[in-house]
Every structure is written in C-alpha cells, then in structure tokens.
C-alpha cells in the first residue's frame, strides 16, 4: 500500500538509523504492531 507523507518521513528516518533492509523491516513491524499509525493511505471504493 502507498505511504503517506508521514510514512515516507518515518521510513526514511528508520533506513538512515538501521540501514536499508533492516530499516524497512523495523518500519513494517512497528506499523503492524500498532506503534505507528497513519502511515498508509486509505483505500477508495
């Protein structure tokens, strides 16, 4: 799913901190756990 501006900013920050591959893993793990919200765009009908 496409990311919002907030999601892009957080993803960039995590990639910088953890590295490219690990940053993505940490980002999606945090999103799935519910630690970060509002990072996915809503689906239209």
N, C-alpha and C. Protein backbone atom coordinates (compact mmCIF):
# COMPACT_ATOMS: atom_id res chain seq x y z
N UNK A 1 0.84 -1.16 0.00
CA UNK A 1 0.00 0.00 0.00
C UNK A 1 0.89 1.24 0.00
N UNK A 2 0.52 2.29 -0.71
CA UNK A 2 1.33 3.50 -0.74
C UNK A 2 1.39 4.19 0.63
N UNK A 3 2.49 4.84 0.88
CA UNK A 3 2.69 5.52 2.15
C UNK A 3 2.25 6.97 2.07
N UNK A 4 1.83 7.51 3.21
CA UNK A 4 1.52 8.93 3.32
C UNK A 4 2.84 9.69 3.49
N UNK A 5 2.75 11.01 3.56
CA UNK A 5 3.96 11.81 3.78
C UNK A 5 4.58 11.46 5.13
N UNK A 6 3.74 11.26 6.14
CA UNK A 6 4.23 10.86 7.46
C UNK A 6 4.97 9.53 7.38
N UNK A 7 4.40 8.58 6.63
CA UNK A 7 5.01 7.27 6.48
C UNK A 7 6.36 7.34 5.77
N UNK A 8 6.43 8.16 4.74
CA UNK A 8 7.69 8.33 3.99
C UNK A 8 8.78 8.91 4.89
N UNK A 9 8.39 9.87 5.71
CA UNK A 9 9.35 10.53 6.60
C UNK A 9 9.89 9.53 7.64
N UNK A 10 9.00 8.74 8.22
CA UNK A 10 9.40 7.75 9.22
C UNK A 10 10.27 6.67 8.58
N UNK A 11 9.87 6.22 7.38
CA UNK A 11 10.64 5.19 6.67
C UNK A 11 12.06 5.68 6.39
N UNK A 12 12.18 6.91 5.92
CA UNK A 12 13.50 7.49 5.61
C UNK A 12 14.37 7.55 6.88
N UNK A 13 13.75 7.94 7.98
CA UNK A 13 14.47 8.04 9.24
C UNK A 13 14.95 6.67 9.72
N UNK A 14 14.10 5.68 9.60
CA UNK A 14 14.47 4.33 10.05
C UNK A 14 15.54 3.72 9.16
N UNK A 15 15.47 3.98 7.85
CA UNK A 15 16.51 3.47 6.95
C UNK A 15 17.85 4.11 7.28
N UNK A 16 17.84 5.39 7.63
CA UNK A 16 19.07 6.08 7.99
C UNK A 16 19.65 5.51 9.28
N UNK A 17 18.77 5.20 10.24
CA UNK A 17 19.23 4.70 11.53
C UNK A 17 19.66 3.24 11.48
N UNK A 18 18.88 2.38 10.80
CA UNK A 18 19.12 0.94 10.84
C UNK A 18 19.75 0.35 9.59
N UNK A 19 19.80 1.11 8.50
CA UNK A 19 20.27 0.57 7.23
C UNK A 19 19.06 0.26 6.36
N UNK A 20 19.30 0.06 5.06
CA UNK A 20 18.19 -0.06 4.12
C UNK A 20 17.26 -1.22 4.42
N UNK A 21 17.78 -2.42 4.49
CA UNK A 21 16.95 -3.62 4.66
C UNK A 21 16.34 -3.69 6.07
N UNK A 22 17.15 -3.49 7.08
CA UNK A 22 16.69 -3.57 8.46
C UNK A 22 15.71 -2.43 8.78
N UNK A 23 15.92 -1.27 8.19
CA UNK A 23 15.02 -0.13 8.40
C UNK A 23 13.61 -0.42 7.93
N UNK A 24 13.49 -1.04 6.74
CA UNK A 24 12.18 -1.42 6.23
C UNK A 24 11.52 -2.45 7.14
N UNK A 25 12.29 -3.41 7.59
CA UNK A 25 11.77 -4.45 8.47
C UNK A 25 11.23 -3.84 9.77
N UNK A 26 11.99 -2.95 10.37
CA UNK A 26 11.58 -2.31 11.61
C UNK A 26 10.34 -1.44 11.39
N UNK A 27 10.31 -0.73 10.27
CA UNK A 27 9.17 0.13 9.94
C UNK A 27 7.88 -0.68 9.86
N UNK A 28 7.88 -1.76 9.07
CA UNK A 28 6.67 -2.55 8.88
C UNK A 28 6.30 -3.32 10.15
N UNK A 29 7.28 -3.74 10.92
CA UNK A 29 7.00 -4.41 12.18
C UNK A 29 6.31 -3.45 13.15
N UNK A 30 6.79 -2.22 13.21
CA UNK A 30 6.18 -1.20 14.07
C UNK A 30 4.77 -0.88 13.61
N UNK A 31 4.58 -0.79 12.31
CA UNK A 31 3.26 -0.49 11.75
C UNK A 31 2.29 -1.62 12.08
N UNK A 32 2.71 -2.86 11.88
CA UNK A 32 1.84 -4.00 12.13
C UNK A 32 1.51 -4.15 13.62
N UNK A 33 2.44 -3.81 14.47
CA UNK A 33 2.20 -3.90 15.92
C UNK A 33 1.29 -2.78 16.40
N UNK A 34 1.23 -1.68 15.65
CA UNK A 34 0.37 -0.56 16.03
C UNK A 34 1.11 0.56 16.73
N UNK A 35 2.43 0.51 16.70
CA UNK A 35 3.22 1.56 17.34
C UNK A 35 3.16 2.87 16.56
N UNK A 36 3.10 2.78 15.24
CA UNK A 36 2.97 3.97 14.40
C UNK A 36 1.68 3.84 13.58
N UNK A 37 0.93 4.93 13.51
CA UNK A 37 -0.35 4.93 12.80
C UNK A 37 -0.39 6.07 11.81
N UNK A 38 -1.26 5.93 10.84
CA UNK A 38 -1.44 6.99 9.84
C UNK A 38 -0.35 7.00 8.79
N UNK A 39 0.25 5.85 8.51
CA UNK A 39 1.34 5.81 7.53
C UNK A 39 0.91 5.22 6.20
N UNK A 40 -0.29 4.60 6.15
CA UNK A 40 -0.82 4.05 4.91
C UNK A 40 -1.95 4.92 4.39
N UNK A 41 -2.04 5.05 3.09
CA UNK A 41 -3.16 5.77 2.50
C UNK A 41 -4.40 4.90 2.57
N UNK A 42 -5.53 5.56 2.76
CA UNK A 42 -6.80 4.83 2.81
C UNK A 42 -7.19 4.40 1.40
N UNK A 43 -7.85 3.25 1.30
CA UNK A 43 -8.31 2.75 0.02
C UNK A 43 -9.63 3.42 -0.35
N UNK A 44 -9.77 3.75 -1.62
CA UNK A 44 -11.04 4.27 -2.13
C UNK A 44 -11.96 3.14 -2.51
N UNK A 45 -13.21 3.44 -2.68
CA UNK A 45 -14.18 2.39 -3.06
C UNK A 45 -14.15 2.13 -4.52
